[in-house]
Each structure stands twice: as C-alpha cells, then as structure tokens.
Amino acid sequence: MSKITRQYSADDLSRIIEMAWEDRTPFEAIENLFGVNQDAVIKIMRSELKPSSFRLWRKRTQGRNTKHLKLRSPDINRGYCPTQYKQR
C-alpha cells in the first residue's frame, strides 16, 4: 500500500477509483472532492488495479475530452448521463 492510498479510508479510495473509471467525471472533480490531482489519481489506480486493468483505464482516459475540463465542451454541464439515475 502506497503513502497516497494509506491516507484514505476504504470507502474514499473506492469512490476515487469509481470516479476515475467514469467517462464523464473530470479529474478536476476528483481533485475538488478529495484533494487528489491527476498524477495522484494515476498513482492510486496503478497501485490498486491489476496491471491489465490499469493499462485499459489509461488507454481509455488518455486524451478523452470528458476527463479534462480544458478539453471538455462547455455544453457538458453534468457528470453523468441523464438516464443513469432514473426514478422508479
């Protein structure tokens, strides 16, 4: 377990990983909630995921417009798909 992961509870660590996997959640949102910048998120993902899962995640996030606010269209003002949280 690295220094970075030791300072978070299991719940917080799980949420950071979940947010990092979500396509529409920018790294800046993770930083605002947990104080973890993009480099630290990468280190967390590297230490917590299997090597093949980490490589898959990095391939998905590199250059993805929705993961970086500077690249993101200003028309996107939500962090999830409108149908993701349907009321039953």
PDB file of N, CA and C in Angstrom:
ATOM      1  N   MET A   1       0.855  -1.182   0.000  1.00  0.00           N
ATOM      2  CA  MET A   1       0.000   0.000   0.000  1.00  0.00           C
ATOM      3  C   MET A   1       0.899   1.243   0.000  1.00  0.00           C
ATOM      4  N   SER A   2       0.651   2.180  -0.898  1.00  0.00           N
ATOM      5  CA  SER A   2       1.484   3.371  -1.008  1.00  0.00           C
ATOM      6  C   SER A   2       1.065   4.443  -0.005  1.00  0.00           C
ATOM      7  N   LYS A   3       1.913   5.473   0.113  1.00  0.00           N
ATOM      8  CA  LYS A   3       1.603   6.590   1.018  1.00  0.00           C
ATOM      9  C   LYS A   3       0.279   7.247   0.656  1.00  0.00           C
ATOM     10  N   ILE A   4       0.029   7.377  -0.627  1.00  0.00           N
ATOM     11  CA  ILE A   4      -1.186   8.051  -1.086  1.00  0.00           C
ATOM     12  C   ILE A   4      -2.427   7.273  -0.651  1.00  0.00           C
ATOM     13  N   THR A   5      -2.414   5.957  -0.839  1.00  0.00           N
ATOM     14  CA  THR A   5      -3.606   5.176  -0.527  1.00  0.00           C
ATOM     15  C   THR A   5      -3.813   5.018   0.970  1.00  0.00           C
ATOM     16  N   ARG A   6      -2.757   5.124   1.777  1.00  0.00           N
ATOM     17  CA  ARG A   6      -2.896   4.977   3.226  1.00  0.00           C
ATOM     18  C   ARG A   6      -3.689   6.108   3.862  1.00  0.00           C
ATOM     19  N   GLN A   7      -3.699   7.256   3.246  1.00  0.00           N
ATOM     20  CA  GLN A   7      -4.359   8.401   3.861  1.00  0.00           C
ATOM     21  C   GLN A   7      -5.863   8.462   3.591  1.00  0.00           C
ATOM     22  N   TYR A   8      -6.396   7.498   2.844  1.00  0.00           N
ATOM     23  CA  TYR A   8      -7.830   7.477   2.537  1.00  0.00           C
ATOM     24  C   TYR A   8      -8.480   6.242   3.124  1.00  0.00           C
ATOM     25  N   SER A   9      -9.721   6.401   3.530  1.00  0.00           N
ATOM     26  CA  SER A   9     -10.483   5.245   4.002  1.00  0.00           C
ATOM     27  C   SER A   9     -10.784   4.349   2.802  1.00  0.00           C
ATOM     28  N   ALA A  10     -11.184   3.124   3.081  1.00  0.00           N
ATOM     29  CA  ALA A  10     -11.524   2.193   2.007  1.00  0.00           C
ATOM     30  C   ALA A  10     -12.675   2.737   1.164  1.00  0.00           C
ATOM     31  N   ASP A  11     -13.641   3.390   1.815  1.00  0.00           N
ATOM     32  CA  ASP A  11     -14.779   3.971   1.082  1.00  0.00           C
ATOM     33  C   ASP A  11     -14.328   5.095   0.165  1.00  0.00           C
ATOM     34  N   ASP A  12     -13.464   5.993   0.675  1.00  0.00           N
ATOM     35  CA  ASP A  12     -12.973   7.101  -0.145  1.00  0.00           C
ATOM     36  C   ASP A  12     -12.144   6.578  -1.317  1.00  0.00           C
ATOM     37  N   LEU A  13     -11.299   5.611  -1.049  1.00  0.00           N
ATOM     38  CA  LEU A  13     -10.476   5.028  -2.104  1.00  0.00           C
ATOM     39  C   LEU A  13     -11.344   4.385  -3.180  1.00  0.00           C
ATOM     40  N   SER A  14     -12.368   3.687  -2.752  1.00  0.00           N
ATOM     41  CA  SER A  14     -13.297   3.068  -3.700  1.00  0.00           C
ATOM     42  C   SER A  14     -13.997   4.118  -4.543  1.00  0.00           C
ATOM     43  N   ARG A  15     -14.399   5.215  -3.928  1.00  0.00           N
ATOM     44  CA  ARG A  15     -15.086   6.285  -4.660  1.00  0.00           C
ATOM     45  C   ARG A  15     -14.139   6.982  -5.637  1.00  0.00           C
ATOM     46  N   ILE A  16     -12.896   7.203  -5.244  1.00  0.00           N
ATOM     47  CA  ILE A  16     -11.914   7.811  -6.149  1.00  0.00           C
ATOM     48  C   ILE A  16     -11.743   6.932  -7.384  1.00  0.00           C
ATOM     49  N   ILE A  17     -11.608   5.625  -7.171  1.00  0.00           N
ATOM     50  CA  ILE A  17     -11.439   4.694  -8.292  1.00  0.00           C
ATOM     51  C   ILE A  17     -12.684   4.684  -9.170  1.00  0.00           C
ATOM     52  N   GLU A  18     -13.849   4.674  -8.544  1.00  0.00           N
ATOM     53  CA  GLU A  18     -15.109   4.691  -9.307  1.00  0.00           C
ATOM     54  C   GLU A  18     -15.206   5.953 -10.153  1.00  0.00           C
ATOM     55  N   MET A  19     -14.889   7.098  -9.567  1.00  0.00           N
ATOM     56  CA  MET A  19     -14.955   8.365 -10.308  1.00  0.00           C
ATOM     57  C   MET A  19     -13.935   8.391 -11.437  1.00  0.00           C
ATOM     58  N   ALA A  20     -12.760   7.809 -11.210  1.00  0.00           N
ATOM     59  CA  ALA A  20     -11.731   7.776 -12.251  1.00  0.00           C
ATOM     60  C   ALA A  20     -12.182   6.920 -13.432  1.00  0.00           C
ATOM     61  N   TRP A  21     -12.933   5.847 -13.185  1.00  0.00           N
ATOM     62  CA  TRP A  21     -13.426   4.988 -14.252  1.00  0.00           C
ATOM     63  C   TRP A  21     -14.550   5.641 -15.045  1.00  0.00           C
ATOM     64  N   GLU A  22     -15.320   6.522 -14.408  1.00  0.00           N
ATOM     65  CA  GLU A  22     -16.454   7.149 -15.093  1.00  0.00           C
ATOM     66  C   GLU A  22     -15.959   8.073 -16.197  1.00  0.00           C
ATOM     67  N   ASP A  23     -16.521   7.918 -17.390  1.00  0.00           N
ATOM     68  CA  ASP A  23     -16.075   8.707 -18.539  1.00  0.00           C
ATOM     69  C   ASP A  23     -16.363  10.195 -18.383  1.00  0.00           C
ATOM     70  N   ARG A  24     -17.468  10.545 -17.780  1.00  0.00           N
ATOM     71  CA  ARG A  24     -17.871  11.946 -17.724  1.00  0.00           C
ATOM     72  C   ARG A  24     -17.407  12.685 -16.469  1.00  0.00           C
ATOM     73  N   THR A  25     -16.711  12.021 -15.578  1.00  0.00           N
ATOM     74  CA  THR A  25     -16.230  12.687 -14.368  1.00  0.00           C
ATOM     75  C   THR A  25     -14.815  13.194 -14.612  1.00  0.00           C
ATOM     76  N   PRO A  26     -14.625  14.503 -14.675  1.00  0.00           N
ATOM     77  CA  PRO A  26     -13.288  15.037 -14.945  1.00  0.00           C
ATOM     78  C   PRO A  26     -12.370  14.874 -13.727  1.00  0.00           C
ATOM     79  N   PHE A  27     -11.076  14.840 -13.995  1.00  0.00           N
ATOM     80  CA  PHE A  27     -10.094  14.730 -12.919  1.00  0.00           C
ATOM     81  C   PHE A  27     -10.222  15.897 -11.936  1.00  0.00           C
ATOM     82  N   GLU A  28     -10.637  17.046 -12.434  1.00  0.00           N
ATOM     83  CA  GLU A  28     -10.792  18.218 -11.567  1.00  0.00           C
ATOM     84  C   GLU A  28     -11.882  17.995 -10.512  1.00  0.00           C
ATOM     85  N   ALA A  29     -12.917  17.227 -10.846  1.00  0.00           N
ATOM     86  CA  ALA A  29     -13.969  16.924  -9.872  1.00  0.00           C
ATOM     87  C   ALA A  29     -13.418  16.050  -8.742  1.00  0.00           C
ATOM     88  N   ILE A  30     -12.562  15.098  -9.086  1.00  0.00           N
ATOM     89  CA  ILE A  30     -11.929  14.249  -8.073  1.00  0.00           C
ATOM     90  C   ILE A  30     -11.036  15.105  -7.179  1.00  0.00           C
ATOM     91  N   GLU A  31     -10.317  16.023  -7.797  1.00  0.00           N
ATOM     92  CA  GLU A  31      -9.437  16.906  -7.022  1.00  0.00           C
ATOM     93  C   GLU A  31     -10.240  17.803  -6.082  1.00  0.00           C
ATOM     94  N   ASN A  32     -11.372  18.317  -6.544  1.00  0.00           N
ATOM     95  CA  ASN A  32     -12.206  19.172  -5.690  1.00  0.00           C
ATOM     96  C   ASN A  32     -12.770  18.413  -4.503  1.00  0.00           C
ATOM     97  N   LEU A  33     -13.164  17.163  -4.699  1.00  0.00           N
ATOM     98  CA  LEU A  33     -13.766  16.379  -3.624  1.00  0.00           C
ATOM     99  C   LEU A  33     -12.744  15.778  -2.665  1.00  0.00           C
ATOM    100  N   PHE A  34     -11.625  15.288  -3.203  1.00  0.00           N
ATOM    101  CA  PHE A  34     -10.681  14.534  -2.382  1.00  0.00           C
ATOM    102  C   PHE A  34      -9.292  15.161  -2.276  1.00  0.00           C
ATOM    103  N   GLY A  35      -9.040  16.236  -3.030  1.00  0.00           N
ATOM    104  CA  GLY A  35      -7.721  16.877  -2.989  1.00  0.00           C
ATOM    105  C   GLY A  35      -6.644  16.048  -3.669  1.00  0.00           C
ATOM    106  N   VAL A  36      -7.037  15.219  -4.629  1.00  0.00           N
ATOM    107  CA  VAL A  36      -6.107  14.338  -5.335  1.00  0.00           C
ATOM    108  C   VAL A  36      -6.003  14.819  -6.777  1.00  0.00           C
ATOM    109  N   ASN A  37      -4.815  15.269  -7.185  1.00  0.00           N
ATOM    110  CA  ASN A  37      -4.671  15.744  -8.566  1.00  0.00           C
ATOM    111  C   ASN A  37      -4.553  14.562  -9.528  1.00  0.00           C
ATOM    112  N   GLN A  38      -4.488  14.848 -10.809  1.00  0.00           N
ATOM    113  CA  GLN A  38      -4.490  13.800 -11.827  1.00  0.00           C
ATOM    114  C   GLN A  38      -3.315  12.842 -11.646  1.00  0.00           C
ATOM    115  N   ASP A  39      -2.134  13.358 -11.356  1.00  0.00           N
ATOM    116  CA  ASP A  39      -0.974  12.485 -11.167  1.00  0.00           C
ATOM    117  C   ASP A  39      -1.179  11.531 -10.003  1.00  0.00           C
ATOM    118  N   ALA A  40      -1.763  12.014  -8.916  1.00  0.00           N
ATOM    119  CA  ALA A  40      -2.017  11.165  -7.753  1.00  0.00           C
ATOM    120  C   ALA A  40      -3.091  10.123  -8.069  1.00  0.00           C
ATOM    121  N   VAL A  41      -4.100  10.505  -8.858  1.00  0.00           N
ATOM    122  CA  VAL A  41      -5.131   9.535  -9.261  1.00  0.00           C
ATOM    123  C   VAL A  41      -4.484   8.410 -10.069  1.00  0.00           C
ATOM    124  N   ILE A  42      -3.581   8.760 -10.953  1.00  0.00           N
ATOM    125  CA  ILE A  42      -2.885   7.754 -11.754  1.00  0.00           C
ATOM    126  C   ILE A  42      -2.095   6.814 -10.844  1.00  0.00           C
ATOM    127  N   LYS A  43      -1.417   7.363  -9.848  1.00  0.00           N
ATOM    128  CA  LYS A  43      -0.657   6.528  -8.904  1.00  0.00           C
ATOM    129  C   LYS A  43      -1.577   5.613  -8.111  1.00  0.00           C
ATOM    130  N   ILE A  44      -2.725   6.139  -7.687  1.00  0.00           N
ATOM    131  CA  ILE A  44      -3.694   5.315  -6.961  1.00  0.00           C
ATOM    132  C   ILE A  44      -4.184   4.181  -7.846  1.00  0.00           C
ATOM    133  N   MET A  45      -4.554   4.512  -9.069  1.00  0.00           N
ATOM    134  CA  MET A  45      -5.064   3.497  -9.985  1.00  0.00           C
ATOM    135  C   MET A  45      -3.983   2.439 -10.262  1.00  0.00           C
ATOM    136  N   ARG A  46      -2.747   2.867 -10.418  1.00  0.00           N
ATOM    137  CA  ARG A  46      -1.657   1.926 -10.682  1.00  0.00           C
ATOM    138  C   ARG A  46      -1.464   0.973  -9.499  1.00  0.00           C
ATOM    139  N   SER A  47      -1.593   1.489  -8.285  1.00  0.00           N
ATOM    140  CA  SER A  47      -1.343   0.647  -7.111  1.00  0.00           C
ATOM    141  C   SER A  47      -2.541  -0.230  -6.742  1.00  0.00           C
ATOM    142  N   GLU A  48      -3.749   0.178  -7.105  1.00  0.00           N
ATOM    143  CA  GLU A  48      -4.948  -0.546  -6.681  1.00  0.00           C
ATOM    144  C   GLU A  48      -5.522  -1.497  -7.727  1.00  0.00           C
ATOM    145  N   LEU A  49      -5.200  -1.276  -8.999  1.00  0.00           N
ATOM    146  CA  LEU A  49      -5.752  -2.116 -10.066  1.00  0.00           C
ATOM    147  C   LEU A  49      -4.741  -3.175 -10.497  1.00  0.00           C
ATOM    148  N   LYS A  50      -5.257  -4.229 -11.110  1.00  0.00           N
ATOM    149  CA  LYS A  50      -4.372  -5.203 -11.740  1.00  0.00           C
ATOM    150  C   LYS A  50      -3.678  -4.486 -12.900  1.00  0.00           C
ATOM    151  N   PRO A  51      -2.464  -4.909 -13.251  1.00  0.00           N
ATOM    152  CA  PRO A  51      -1.741  -4.242 -14.349  1.00  0.00           C
ATOM    153  C   PRO A  51      -2.543  -4.134 -15.642  1.00  0.00           C
ATOM    154  N   SER A  52      -3.255  -5.195 -16.006  1.00  0.00           N
ATOM    155  CA  SER A  52      -4.027  -5.144 -17.261  1.00  0.00           C
ATOM    156  C   SER A  52      -5.194  -4.158 -17.153  1.00  0.00           C
ATOM    157  N   SER A  53      -5.817  -4.080 -15.984  1.00  0.00           N
ATOM    158  CA  SER A  53      -6.914  -3.123 -15.781  1.00  0.00           C
ATOM    159  C   SER A  53      -6.393  -1.695 -15.808  1.00  0.00           C
ATOM    160  N   PHE A  54      -5.220  -1.485 -15.221  1.00  0.00           N
ATOM    161  CA  PHE A  54      -4.629  -0.147 -15.241  1.00  0.00           C
ATOM    162  C   PHE A  54      -4.328   0.278 -16.677  1.00  0.00           C
ATOM    163  N   ARG A  55      -3.734  -0.601 -17.462  1.00  0.00           N
ATOM    164  CA  ARG A  55      -3.429  -0.262 -18.860  1.00  0.00           C
ATOM    165  C   ARG A  55      -4.699   0.057 -19.640  1.00  0.00           C
ATOM    166  N   LEU A  56      -5.755  -0.719 -19.426  1.00  0.00           N
ATOM    167  CA  LEU A  56      -7.041  -0.471 -20.079  1.00  0.00           C
ATOM    168  C   LEU A  56      -7.594   0.897 -19.679  1.00  0.00           C
ATOM    169  N   TRP A  57      -7.526   1.223 -18.390  1.00  0.00           N
ATOM    170  CA  TRP A  57      -8.018   2.513 -17.896  1.00  0.00           C
ATOM    171  C   TRP A  57      -7.214   3.664 -18.492  1.00  0.00           C
ATOM    172  N   ARG A  58      -5.891   3.542 -18.506  1.00  0.00           N
ATOM    173  CA  ARG A  58      -5.058   4.609 -19.068  1.00  0.00           C
ATOM    174  C   ARG A  58      -5.361   4.818 -20.542  1.00  0.00           C
ATOM    175  N   LYS A  59      -5.551   3.741 -21.271  1.00  0.00           N
ATOM    176  CA  LYS A  59      -5.868   3.846 -22.694  1.00  0.00           C
ATOM    177  C   LYS A  59      -7.191   4.588 -22.879  1.00  0.00           C
ATOM    178  N   ARG A  60      -8.165   4.303 -22.002  1.00  0.00           N
ATOM    179  CA  ARG A  60      -9.474   4.964 -22.080  1.00  0.00           C
ATOM    180  C   ARG A  60      -9.396   6.451 -21.759  1.00  0.00           C
ATOM    181  N   THR A  61      -8.604   6.820 -20.763  1.00  0.00           N
ATOM    182  CA  THR A  61      -8.627   8.203 -20.278  1.00  0.00           C
ATOM    183  C   THR A  61      -7.670   9.143 -21.005  1.00  0.00           C
ATOM    184  N   GLN A  62      -6.623   8.617 -21.603  1.00  0.00           N
ATOM    185  CA  GLN A  62      -5.666   9.497 -22.272  1.00  0.00           C
ATOM    186  C   GLN A  62      -6.313  10.226 -23.433  1.00  0.00           C
ATOM    187  N   GLY A  63      -6.325  11.546 -23.341  1.00  0.00           N
ATOM    188  CA  GLY A  63      -6.876  12.364 -24.407  1.00  0.00           C
ATOM    189  C   GLY A  63      -8.389  12.418 -24.461  1.00  0.00           C
ATOM    190  N   ARG A  64      -9.058  11.779 -23.524  1.00  0.00           N
ATOM    191  CA  ARG A  64     -10.535  11.789 -23.513  1.00  0.00           C
ATOM    192  C   ARG A  64     -11.006  13.191 -23.116  1.00  0.00           C
ATOM    193  N   ASN A  65     -11.792  13.806 -23.969  1.00  0.00           N
ATOM    194  CA  ASN A  65     -12.251  15.176 -23.736  1.00  0.00           C
ATOM    195  C   ASN A  65     -13.030  15.322 -22.433  1.00  0.00           C
ATOM    196  N   THR A  66     -13.832  14.346 -22.090  1.00  0.00           N
ATOM    197  CA  THR A  66     -14.696  14.487 -20.919  1.00  0.00           C
ATOM    198  C   THR A  66     -13.947  14.312 -19.603  1.00  0.00           C
ATOM    199  N   LYS A  67     -12.709  13.803 -19.626  1.00  0.00           N
ATOM    200  CA  LYS A  67     -11.942  13.622 -18.393  1.00  0.00           C
ATOM    201  C   LYS A  67     -11.117  14.857 -18.043  1.00  0.00           C
ATOM    202  N   HIS A  68     -11.075  15.828 -18.930  1.00  0.00           N
ATOM    203  CA  HIS A  68     -10.260  17.028 -18.716  1.00  0.00           C
ATOM    204  C   HIS A  68     -11.120  18.261 -18.993  1.00  0.00           C
ATOM    205  N   LEU A  69     -11.326  19.084 -17.993  1.00  0.00           N
ATOM    206  CA  LEU A  69     -12.201  20.255 -18.161  1.00  0.00           C
ATOM    207  C   LEU A  69     -11.732  21.181 -19.269  1.00  0.00           C
ATOM    208  N   LYS A  70     -10.418  21.314 -19.465  1.00  0.00           N
ATOM    209  CA  LYS A  70      -9.906  22.203 -20.510  1.00  0.00           C
ATOM    210  C   LYS A  70     -10.258  21.697 -21.900  1.00  0.00           C
ATOM    211  N   LEU A  71     -10.403  20.394 -22.068  1.00  0.00           N
ATOM    212  CA  LEU A  71     -10.741  19.816 -23.370  1.00  0.00           C
ATOM    213  C   LEU A  71     -12.240  19.625 -23.542  1.00  0.00           C
ATOM    214  N   ARG A  72     -12.969  19.705 -22.457  1.00  0.00           N
ATOM    215  CA  ARG A  72     -14.398  19.399 -22.436  1.00  0.00           C
ATOM    216  C   ARG A  72     -15.226  20.522 -23.063  1.00  0.00           C
ATOM    217  N   SER A  73     -16.240  20.152 -23.774  1.00  0.00           N
ATOM    218  CA  SER A  73     -17.143  21.127 -24.364  1.00  0.00           C
ATOM    219  C   SER A  73     -17.900  21.864 -23.254  1.00  0.00           C
ATOM    220  N   PRO A  74     -18.075  23.167 -23.369  1.00  0.00           N
ATOM    221  CA  PRO A  74     -18.834  23.889 -22.340  1.00  0.00           C
ATOM    222  C   PRO A  74     -20.313  23.490 -22.299  1.00  0.00           C
ATOM    223  N   ASP A  75     -20.778  22.778 -23.327  1.00  0.00           N
ATOM    224  CA  ASP A  75     -22.163  22.315 -23.351  1.00  0.00           C
ATOM    225  C   ASP A  75     -22.410  21.187 -22.344  1.00  0.00           C
ATOM    226  N   ILE A  76     -21.348  20.515 -21.917  1.00  0.00           N
ATOM    227  CA  ILE A  76     -21.485  19.418 -20.948  1.00  0.00           C
ATOM    228  C   ILE A  76     -21.387  20.012 -19.551  1.00  0.00           C
ATOM    229  N   ASN A  77     -22.499  20.015 -18.848  1.00  0.00           N
ATOM    230  CA  ASN A  77     -22.504  20.612 -17.510  1.00  0.00           C
ATOM    231  C   ASN A  77     -22.969  19.621 -16.448  1.00  0.00           C
ATOM    232  N   ARG A  78     -22.865  18.341 -16.741  1.00  0.00           N
ATOM    233  CA  ARG A  78     -23.262  17.321 -15.771  1.00  0.00           C
ATOM    234  C   ARG A  78     -22.195  16.234 -15.755  1.00  0.00           C
ATOM    235  N   GLY A  79     -22.208  15.428 -14.732  1.00  0.00           N
ATOM    236  CA  GLY A  79     -21.198  14.394 -14.596  1.00  0.00           C
ATOM    237  C   GLY A  79     -21.709  13.004 -14.916  1.00  0.00           C
ATOM    238  N   TYR A  80     -22.934  12.892 -15.398  1.00  0.00           N
ATOM    239  CA  TYR A  80     -23.481  11.576 -15.695  1.00  0.00           C
ATOM    240  C   TYR A  80     -24.536  11.693 -16.782  1.00  0.00           C
ATOM    241  N   CYS A  81     -24.867  10.575 -17.356  1.00  0.00           N
ATOM    242  CA  CYS A  81     -25.895  10.514 -18.387  1.00  0.00           C
ATOM    243  C   CYS A  81     -27.257  10.801 -17.757  1.00  0.00           C
ATOM    244  N   PRO A  82     -28.134  11.553 -18.420  1.00  0.00           N
ATOM    245  CA  PRO A  82     -29.443  11.878 -17.836  1.00  0.00           C
ATOM    246  C   PRO A  82     -30.289  10.649 -17.489  1.00  0.00           C
ATOM    247  N   THR A  83     -30.050   9.536 -18.152  1.00  0.00           N
ATOM    248  CA  THR A  83     -30.830   8.338 -17.870  1.00  0.00           C
ATOM    249  C   THR A  83     -30.175   7.431 -16.833  1.00  0.00           C
ATOM    250  N   GLN A  84     -29.009   7.830 -16.332  1.00  0.00           N
ATOM    251  CA  GLN A  84     -28.273   6.987 -15.399  1.00  0.00           C
ATOM    252  C   GLN A  84     -28.986   6.805 -14.069  1.00  0.00           C
ATOM    253  N   TYR A  85     -29.585   7.844 -13.540  1.00  0.00           N
ATOM    254  CA  TYR A  85     -30.244   7.783 -12.251  1.00  0.00           C
ATOM    255  C   TYR A  85     -31.742   7.973 -12.408  1.00  0.00           C
ATOM    256  N   LYS A  86     -32.385   7.009 -13.021  1.00  0.00           N
ATOM    257  CA  LYS A  86     -33.833   7.089 -13.241  1.00  0.00           C
ATOM    258  C   LYS A  86     -34.573   6.874 -11.931  1.00  0.00           C
ATOM    259  N   GLN A  87     -35.636   7.614 -11.750  1.00  0.00           N
ATOM    260  CA  GLN A  87     -36.509   7.426 -10.594  1.00  0.00           C
ATOM    261  C   GLN A  87     -37.439   6.260 -10.872  1.00  0.00           C
ATOM    262  N   ARG A  88     -37.638   5.417  -9.909  1.00  0.00           N
ATOM    263  CA  ARG A  88     -38.517   4.248 -10.110  1.00  0.00           C
ATOM    264  C   ARG A  88     -39.880   4.516  -9.587  1.00  0.00           C
TER     265      ARG A  88
END
